[in-house]
PDB file of all heavy atoms in Angstrom:
ATOM      1  N   LEU A   1       6.050   0.478  20.366  1.00  0.00           N
ATOM      2  CA  LEU A   1       5.089   1.342  19.684  1.00  0.00           C
ATOM      3  C   LEU A   1       4.652   0.736  18.356  1.00  0.00           C
ATOM      4  O   LEU A   1       3.470   0.816  17.992  1.00  0.00           O
ATOM      5  CB  LEU A   1       5.699   2.734  19.446  1.00  0.00           C
ATOM      6  CG  LEU A   1       4.811   3.730  18.685  1.00  0.00           C
ATOM      7  CD1 LEU A   1       3.499   3.991  19.429  1.00  0.00           C
ATOM      8  CD2 LEU A   1       5.556   5.041  18.444  1.00  0.00           C
ATOM      9  N   ASP A   2       5.571   0.110  17.624  1.00  0.00           N
ATOM     10  CA  ASP A   2       5.204  -0.539  16.359  1.00  0.00           C
ATOM     11  C   ASP A   2       4.175  -1.652  16.596  1.00  0.00           C
ATOM     12  O   ASP A   2       3.239  -1.820  15.812  1.00  0.00           O
ATOM     13  CB  ASP A   2       6.446  -1.130  15.683  1.00  0.00           C
ATOM     14  CG  ASP A   2       7.439  -0.059  15.276  1.00  0.00           C
ATOM     15  OD1 ASP A   2       6.999   1.017  14.837  1.00  0.00           O
ATOM     16  OD2 ASP A   2       8.655  -0.305  15.399  1.00  0.00           O
ATOM     17  N   LEU A   3       4.346  -2.400  17.679  1.00  0.00           N
ATOM     18  CA  LEU A   3       3.399  -3.476  17.983  1.00  0.00           C
ATOM     19  C   LEU A   3       2.013  -2.900  18.286  1.00  0.00           C
ATOM     20  O   LEU A   3       0.999  -3.428  17.829  1.00  0.00           O
ATOM     21  CB  LEU A   3       3.901  -4.293  19.173  1.00  0.00           C
ATOM     22  CG  LEU A   3       5.273  -4.962  19.035  1.00  0.00           C
ATOM     23  CD1 LEU A   3       5.533  -5.858  20.243  1.00  0.00           C
ATOM     24  CD2 LEU A   3       5.393  -5.767  17.752  1.00  0.00           C
ATOM     25  N   LEU A   4       1.972  -1.833  19.057  1.00  0.00           N
ATOM     26  CA  LEU A   4       0.687  -1.210  19.390  1.00  0.00           C
ATOM     27  C   LEU A   4       0.000  -0.681  18.122  1.00  0.00           C
ATOM     28  O   LEU A   4      -1.223  -0.832  17.958  1.00  0.00           O
ATOM     29  CB  LEU A   4       0.893  -0.072  20.382  1.00  0.00           C
ATOM     30  CG  LEU A   4       1.402  -0.465  21.774  1.00  0.00           C
ATOM     31  CD1 LEU A   4       1.706   0.775  22.603  1.00  0.00           C
ATOM     32  CD2 LEU A   4       0.390  -1.354  22.501  1.00  0.00           C
ATOM     33  N   LEU A   5       0.774  -0.085  17.245  1.00  0.00           N
ATOM     34  CA  LEU A   5       0.199   0.432  16.000  1.00  0.00           C
ATOM     35  C   LEU A   5      -0.336  -0.702  15.131  1.00  0.00           C
ATOM     36  O   LEU A   5      -1.380  -0.561  14.487  1.00  0.00           O
ATOM     37  CB  LEU A   5       1.258   1.233  15.242  1.00  0.00           C
ATOM     38  CG  LEU A   5       1.647   2.584  15.866  1.00  0.00           C
ATOM     39  CD1 LEU A   5       2.889   3.155  15.177  1.00  0.00           C
ATOM     40  CD2 LEU A   5       0.490   3.568  15.775  1.00  0.00           C
ATOM     41  N   ARG A   6       0.347  -1.830  15.127  1.00  0.00           N
ATOM     42  CA  ARG A   6      -0.126  -2.983  14.345  1.00  0.00           C
ATOM     43  C   ARG A   6      -1.413  -3.555  14.915  1.00  0.00           C
ATOM     44  O   ARG A   6      -2.336  -3.919  14.176  1.00  0.00           O
ATOM     45  CB  ARG A   6       0.963  -4.053  14.286  1.00  0.00           C
ATOM     46  CG  ARG A   6       2.070  -3.705  13.290  1.00  0.00           C
ATOM     47  CD  ARG A   6       3.221  -4.674  13.362  1.00  0.00           C
ATOM     48  NE  ARG A   6       2.777  -6.065  13.203  1.00  0.00           N
ATOM     49  CZ  ARG A   6       3.563  -7.117  13.435  1.00  0.00           C
ATOM     50  NH1 ARG A   6       4.808  -6.924  13.870  1.00  0.00           N
ATOM     51  NH2 ARG A   6       3.114  -8.327  13.271  1.00  0.00           N
ATOM     52  N   VAL A   7      -1.490  -3.638  16.237  1.00  0.00           N
ATOM     53  CA  VAL A   7      -2.723  -4.131  16.854  1.00  0.00           C
ATOM     54  C   VAL A   7      -3.888  -3.207  16.510  1.00  0.00           C
ATOM     55  O   VAL A   7      -4.982  -3.668  16.149  1.00  0.00           O
ATOM     56  CB  VAL A   7      -2.554  -4.245  18.386  1.00  0.00           C
ATOM     57  CG1 VAL A   7      -3.903  -4.481  19.060  1.00  0.00           C
ATOM     58  CG2 VAL A   7      -1.584  -5.383  18.725  1.00  0.00           C
ATOM     59  N   LYS A   8      -3.657  -1.917  16.597  1.00  0.00           N
ATOM     60  CA  LYS A   8      -4.724  -0.953  16.304  1.00  0.00           C
ATOM     61  C   LYS A   8      -5.135  -1.000  14.832  1.00  0.00           C
ATOM     62  O   LYS A   8      -6.316  -0.898  14.498  1.00  0.00           O
ATOM     63  CB  LYS A   8      -4.271   0.460  16.669  1.00  0.00           C
ATOM     64  CG  LYS A   8      -5.366   1.516  16.528  1.00  0.00           C
ATOM     65  CD  LYS A   8      -4.921   2.853  17.075  1.00  0.00           C
ATOM     66  CE  LYS A   8      -6.029   3.901  16.934  1.00  0.00           C
ATOM     67  NZ  LYS A   8      -7.195   3.597  17.796  1.00  0.00           N
ATOM     68  N   ALA A   9      -4.179  -1.194  13.931  1.00  0.00           N
ATOM     69  CA  ALA A   9      -4.470  -1.180  12.492  1.00  0.00           C
ATOM     70  C   ALA A   9      -5.038  -2.499  11.995  1.00  0.00           C
ATOM     71  O   ALA A   9      -5.879  -2.515  11.088  1.00  0.00           O
ATOM     72  CB  ALA A   9      -3.206  -0.838  11.719  1.00  0.00           C
ATOM     73  N   GLU A  10      -4.603  -3.610  12.603  1.00  0.00           N
ATOM     74  CA  GLU A  10      -4.925  -4.913  12.032  1.00  0.00           C
ATOM     75  C   GLU A  10      -5.867  -5.762  12.877  1.00  0.00           C
ATOM     76  O   GLU A  10      -6.508  -6.674  12.352  1.00  0.00           O
ATOM     77  CB  GLU A  10      -3.629  -5.697  11.800  1.00  0.00           C
ATOM     78  CG  GLU A  10      -2.654  -4.995  10.853  1.00  0.00           C
ATOM     79  CD  GLU A  10      -1.297  -5.677  10.805  1.00  0.00           C
ATOM     80  OE1 GLU A  10      -1.155  -6.774  11.425  1.00  0.00           O
ATOM     81  OE2 GLU A  10      -0.375  -5.122  10.176  1.00  0.00           O
ATOM     82  N   GLU A  11      -5.947  -5.494  14.187  1.00  0.00           N
ATOM     83  CA  GLU A  11      -6.731  -6.384  15.033  1.00  0.00           C
ATOM     84  C   GLU A  11      -7.863  -5.704  15.789  1.00  0.00           C
ATOM     85  O   GLU A  11      -8.944  -6.270  15.914  1.00  0.00           O
ATOM     86  CB  GLU A  11      -5.801  -7.100  16.030  1.00  0.00           C
ATOM     87  CG  GLU A  11      -4.692  -7.889  15.333  1.00  0.00           C
ATOM     88  CD  GLU A  11      -4.217  -9.047  16.167  1.00  0.00           C
ATOM     89  OE1 GLU A  11      -5.023  -9.605  16.946  1.00  0.00           O
ATOM     90  OE2 GLU A  11      -3.036  -9.411  16.039  1.00  0.00           O
ATOM     91  N   ASP A  12      -7.624  -4.508  16.326  1.00  0.00           N
ATOM     92  CA  ASP A  12      -8.670  -3.846  17.109  1.00  0.00           C
ATOM     93  C   ASP A  12      -8.476  -2.340  17.032  1.00  0.00           C
ATOM     94  O   ASP A  12      -7.638  -1.771  17.724  1.00  0.00           O
ATOM     95  CB  ASP A  12      -8.616  -4.316  18.566  1.00  0.00           C
ATOM     96  CG  ASP A  12      -9.814  -3.833  19.373  1.00  0.00           C
ATOM     97  OD1 ASP A  12     -10.498  -2.903  18.917  1.00  0.00           O
ATOM     98  OD2 ASP A  12     -10.052  -4.384  20.467  1.00  0.00           O
ATOM     99  N   GLY A  13      -9.248  -1.697  16.196  1.00  0.00           N
ATOM    100  CA  GLY A  13      -9.132  -0.258  16.000  1.00  0.00           C
ATOM    101  C   GLY A  13      -9.577   0.563  17.189  1.00  0.00           C
ATOM    102  O   GLY A  13      -9.354   1.779  17.217  1.00  0.00           O
ATOM    103  N   SER A  14     -10.200  -0.072  18.186  1.00  0.00           N
ATOM    104  CA  SER A  14     -10.657   0.678  19.359  1.00  0.00           C
ATOM    105  C   SER A  14      -9.564   0.871  20.398  1.00  0.00           C
ATOM    106  O   SER A  14      -9.765   1.595  21.376  1.00  0.00           O
ATOM    107  CB  SER A  14     -11.852  -0.031  20.008  1.00  0.00           C
ATOM    108  OG  SER A  14     -11.443  -1.256  20.611  1.00  0.00           O
ATOM    109  N   LEU A  15      -8.419   0.230  20.223  1.00  0.00           N
ATOM    110  CA  LEU A  15      -7.325   0.383  21.181  1.00  0.00           C
ATOM    111  C   LEU A  15      -6.883   1.845  21.236  1.00  0.00           C
ATOM    112  O   LEU A  15      -6.621   2.462  20.214  1.00  0.00           O
ATOM    113  CB  LEU A  15      -6.139  -0.503  20.775  1.00  0.00           C
ATOM    114  CG  LEU A  15      -4.880  -0.382  21.652  1.00  0.00           C
ATOM    115  CD1 LEU A  15      -5.165  -0.832  23.074  1.00  0.00           C
ATOM    116  CD2 LEU A  15      -3.724  -1.180  21.049  1.00  0.00           C
ATOM    117  N   ALA A  16      -6.799   2.393  22.443  1.00  0.00           N
ATOM    118  CA  ALA A  16      -6.470   3.813  22.620  1.00  0.00           C
ATOM    119  C   ALA A  16      -5.128   3.971  23.325  1.00  0.00           C
ATOM    120  O   ALA A  16      -4.894   3.368  24.369  1.00  0.00           O
ATOM    121  CB  ALA A  16      -7.561   4.511  23.418  1.00  0.00           C
ATOM    122  N   PHE A  17      -4.258   4.772  22.741  1.00  0.00           N
ATOM    123  CA  PHE A  17      -2.985   5.123  23.357  1.00  0.00           C
ATOM    124  C   PHE A  17      -2.484   6.413  22.720  1.00  0.00           C
ATOM    125  O   PHE A  17      -2.927   6.802  21.643  1.00  0.00           O
ATOM    126  CB  PHE A  17      -1.944   4.003  23.192  1.00  0.00           C
ATOM    127  CG  PHE A  17      -1.700   3.595  21.759  1.00  0.00           C
ATOM    128  CD1 PHE A  17      -0.672   4.162  21.007  1.00  0.00           C
ATOM    129  CD2 PHE A  17      -2.492   2.620  21.158  1.00  0.00           C
ATOM    130  CE1 PHE A  17      -0.450   3.772  19.692  1.00  0.00           C
ATOM    131  CE2 PHE A  17      -2.272   2.227  19.849  1.00  0.00           C
ATOM    132  CZ  PHE A  17      -1.243   2.808  19.109  1.00  0.00           C
ATOM    133  N   ARG A  18      -1.570   7.074  23.411  1.00  0.00           N
ATOM    134  CA  ARG A  18      -1.020   8.325  22.909  1.00  0.00           C
ATOM    135  C   ARG A  18       0.335   8.086  22.241  1.00  0.00           C
ATOM    136  O   ARG A  18       1.136   7.292  22.716  1.00  0.00           O
ATOM    137  CB  ARG A  18      -0.837   9.339  24.046  1.00  0.00           C
ATOM    138  CG  ARG A  18      -2.123   9.893  24.630  1.00  0.00           C
ATOM    139  CD  ARG A  18      -1.808  11.027  25.607  1.00  0.00           C
ATOM    140  NE  ARG A  18      -3.025  11.645  26.135  1.00  0.00           N
ATOM    141  CZ  ARG A  18      -3.425  11.561  27.392  1.00  0.00           C
ATOM    142  NH1 ARG A  18      -2.722  10.857  28.256  1.00  0.00           N
ATOM    143  NH2 ARG A  18      -4.537  12.155  27.796  1.00  0.00           N
ATOM    144  N   TYR A  19       0.577   8.806  21.181  1.00  0.00           N
ATOM    145  CA  TYR A  19       1.904   8.845  20.569  1.00  0.00           C
ATOM    146  C   TYR A  19       1.927  10.030  19.620  1.00  0.00           C
ATOM    147  O   TYR A  19       0.883  10.542  19.222  1.00  0.00           O
ATOM    148  CB  TYR A  19       2.219   7.547  19.823  1.00  0.00           C
ATOM    149  CG  TYR A  19       1.475   7.370  18.514  1.00  0.00           C
ATOM    150  CD1 TYR A  19       2.103   7.652  17.302  1.00  0.00           C
ATOM    151  CD2 TYR A  19       0.151   6.932  18.489  1.00  0.00           C
ATOM    152  CE1 TYR A  19       1.418   7.501  16.100  1.00  0.00           C
ATOM    153  CE2 TYR A  19      -0.531   6.776  17.299  1.00  0.00           C
ATOM    154  CZ  TYR A  19       0.108   7.062  16.109  1.00  0.00           C
ATOM    155  OH  TYR A  19      -0.562   6.914  14.919  1.00  0.00           O
ATOM    156  N   SER A  20       3.133  10.462  19.260  1.00  0.00           N
ATOM    157  CA  SER A  20       3.226  11.579  18.319  1.00  0.00           C
ATOM    158  C   SER A  20       4.464  11.419  17.450  1.00  0.00           C
ATOM    159  O   SER A  20       4.400  10.878  16.355  1.00  0.00           O
ATOM    160  CB  SER A  20       3.243  12.921  19.054  1.00  0.00           C
ATOM    161  OG  SER A  20       3.250  13.988  18.136  1.00  0.00           O
ATOM    162  N   CYS A  21       5.628  11.861  17.946  1.00  0.00           N
ATOM    163  CA  CYS A  21       6.795  11.924  17.068  1.00  0.00           C
ATOM    164  C   CYS A  21       7.398  10.554  16.785  1.00  0.00           C
ATOM    165  O   CYS A  21       7.986  10.329  15.731  1.00  0.00           O
ATOM    166  CB  CYS A  21       7.852  12.852  17.668  1.00  0.00           C
ATOM    167  SG  CYS A  21       8.733  12.169  19.086  1.00  0.00           S
ATOM    168  N   GLY A  22       7.294   9.630  17.729  1.00  0.00           N
ATOM    169  CA  GLY A  22       7.891   8.314  17.541  1.00  0.00           C
ATOM    170  C   GLY A  22       9.405   8.315  17.620  1.00  0.00           C
ATOM    171  O   GLY A  22      10.047   7.334  17.253  1.00  0.00           O
ATOM    172  N   GLN A  23      10.005   9.395  18.110  1.00  0.00           N
ATOM    173  CA  GLN A  23      11.465   9.524  18.131  1.00  0.00           C
ATOM    174  C   GLN A  23      12.018   9.810  19.531  1.00  0.00           C
ATOM    175  O   GLN A  23      13.154  10.251  19.667  1.00  0.00           O
ATOM    176  CB  GLN A  23      11.890  10.644  17.174  1.00  0.00           C
ATOM    177  CG  GLN A  23      11.453  10.443  15.740  1.00  0.00           C
ATOM    178  CD  GLN A  23      12.086   9.227  15.096  1.00  0.00           C
ATOM    179  OE1 GLN A  23      13.258   8.922  15.351  1.00  0.00           O
ATOM    180  NE2 GLN A  23      11.335   8.515  14.276  1.00  0.00           N
ATOM    181  N   GLY A  24      11.221   9.615  20.568  1.00  0.00           N
ATOM    182  CA  GLY A  24      11.707   9.845  21.923  1.00  0.00           C
ATOM    183  C   GLY A  24      11.865  11.306  22.278  1.00  0.00           C
ATOM    184  O   GLY A  24      12.658  11.642  23.158  1.00  0.00           O
ATOM    185  N   VAL A  25      11.104  12.183  21.624  1.00  0.00           N
ATOM    186  CA  VAL A  25      11.218  13.614  21.875  1.00  0.00           C
ATOM    187  C   VAL A  25       9.946  14.188  22.488  1.00  0.00           C
ATOM    188  O   VAL A  25      10.005  15.014  23.397  1.00  0.00           O
ATOM    189  CB  VAL A  25      11.565  14.375  20.581  1.00  0.00           C
ATOM    190  CG1 VAL A  25      11.595  15.878  20.824  1.00  0.00           C
ATOM    191  CG2 VAL A  25      12.894  13.895  20.016  1.00  0.00           C
ATOM    192  N   CYS A  26       8.783  13.738  22.037  1.00  0.00           N
ATOM    193  CA  CYS A  26       7.529  14.334  22.513  1.00  0.00           C
ATOM    194  C   CYS A  26       7.125  13.833  23.894  1.00  0.00           C
ATOM    195  O   CYS A  26       6.456  14.532  24.649  1.00  0.00           O
ATOM    196  CB  CYS A  26       6.406  14.070  21.513  1.00  0.00           C
ATOM    197  SG  CYS A  26       5.856  12.348  21.445  1.00  0.00           S
ATOM    198  N   GLY A  27       7.502  12.615  24.253  1.00  0.00           N
ATOM    199  CA  GLY A  27       7.197  12.072  25.571  1.00  0.00           C
ATOM    200  C   GLY A  27       5.778  11.580  25.763  1.00  0.00           C
ATOM    201  O   GLY A  27       5.399  11.179  26.861  1.00  0.00           O
ATOM    202  N   SER A  28       4.978  11.580  24.697  1.00  0.00           N
ATOM    203  CA  SER A  28       3.561  11.260  24.865  1.00  0.00           C
ATOM    204  C   SER A  28       3.275   9.771  25.002  1.00  0.00           C
ATOM    205  O   SER A  28       2.187   9.393  25.434  1.00  0.00           O
ATOM    206  CB  SER A  28       2.753  11.828  23.692  1.00  0.00           C
ATOM    207  OG  SER A  28       3.208  11.295  22.467  1.00  0.00           O
ATOM    208  N   ASP A  29       4.218   8.904  24.635  1.00  0.00           N
ATOM    209  CA  ASP A  29       3.938   7.462  24.670  1.00  0.00           C
ATOM    210  C   ASP A  29       4.620   6.760  25.839  1.00  0.00           C
ATOM    211  O   ASP A  29       4.991   5.593  25.747  1.00  0.00           O
ATOM    212  CB  ASP A  29       4.337   6.801  23.351  1.00  0.00           C
ATOM    213  CG  ASP A  29       5.834   6.876  23.083  1.00  0.00           C
ATOM    214  OD1 ASP A  29       6.517   7.696  23.710  1.00  0.00           O
ATOM    215  OD2 ASP A  29       6.326   6.101  22.234  1.00  0.00           O
ATOM    216  N   ALA A  30       4.775   7.461  26.969  1.00  0.00           N
ATOM    217  CA  ALA A  30       5.315   6.819  28.170  1.00  0.00           C
ATOM    218  C   ALA A  30       4.298   5.824  28.713  1.00  0.00           C
ATOM    219  O   ALA A  30       3.123   6.157  28.900  1.00  0.00           O
ATOM    220  CB  ALA A  30       5.647   7.863  29.227  1.00  0.00           C
ATOM    221  N   LEU A  31       4.743   4.607  28.963  1.00  0.00           N
ATOM    222  CA  LEU A  31       3.877   3.528  29.437  1.00  0.00           C
ATOM    223  C   LEU A  31       4.650   2.672  30.426  1.00  0.00           C
ATOM    224  O   LEU A  31       5.877   2.769  30.522  1.00  0.00           O
ATOM    225  CB  LEU A  31       3.413   2.654  28.264  1.00  0.00           C
ATOM    226  CG  LEU A  31       2.587   3.335  27.169  1.00  0.00           C
ATOM    227  CD1 LEU A  31       2.487   2.447  25.936  1.00  0.00           C
ATOM    228  CD2 LEU A  31       1.202   3.681  27.684  1.00  0.00           C
ATOM    229  N   THR A  32       3.933   1.829  31.143  1.00  0.00           N
ATOM    230  CA  THR A  32       4.583   0.835  31.981  1.00  0.00           C
ATOM    231  C   THR A  32       4.715  -0.438  31.152  1.00  0.00           C
ATOM    232  O   THR A  32       3.716  -1.065  30.797  1.00  0.00           O
ATOM    233  CB  THR A  32       3.772   0.565  33.256  1.00  0.00           C
ATOM    234  OG1 THR A  32       3.632   1.788  33.978  1.00  0.00           O
ATOM    235  CG2 THR A  32       4.473  -0.451  34.138  1.00  0.00           C
ATOM    236  N   ILE A  33       5.932  -0.799  30.818  1.00  0.00           N
ATOM    237  CA  ILE A  33       6.214  -1.946  29.955  1.00  0.00           C
ATOM    238  C   ILE A  33       7.015  -2.963  30.755  1.00  0.00           C
ATOM    239  O   ILE A  33       8.113  -2.662  31.242  1.00  0.00           O
ATOM    240  CB  ILE A  33       6.988  -1.513  28.695  1.00  0.00           C
ATOM    241  CG1 ILE A  33       6.186  -0.452  27.924  1.00  0.00           C
ATOM    242  CG2 ILE A  33       7.297  -2.710  27.804  1.00  0.00           C
ATOM    243  CD1 ILE A  33       6.946   0.176  26.771  1.00  0.00           C
ATOM    244  N   ASN A  34       6.434  -4.137  30.933  1.00  0.00           N
ATOM    245  CA  ASN A  34       7.044  -5.181  31.757  1.00  0.00           C
ATOM    246  C   ASN A  34       7.439  -4.643  33.138  1.00  0.00           C
ATOM    247  O   ASN A  34       8.520  -4.911  33.652  1.00  0.00           O
ATOM    248  CB  ASN A  34       8.252  -5.789  31.052  1.00  0.00           C
ATOM    249  CG  ASN A  34       7.848  -6.708  29.911  1.00  0.00           C
ATOM    250  OD1 ASN A  34       6.673  -6.816  29.572  1.00  0.00           O
ATOM    251  ND2 ASN A  34       8.814  -7.384  29.304  1.00  0.00           N
TER     252      ASN A  34
END
């Protein structure tokens, strides 16, 4: 999630993804990773 936030903030602000609490509680940032 930190990497995605850095890409959105520093390289491409159009990148779209969901996230909220960042603590494994809200479940909004489930993705297929590797």
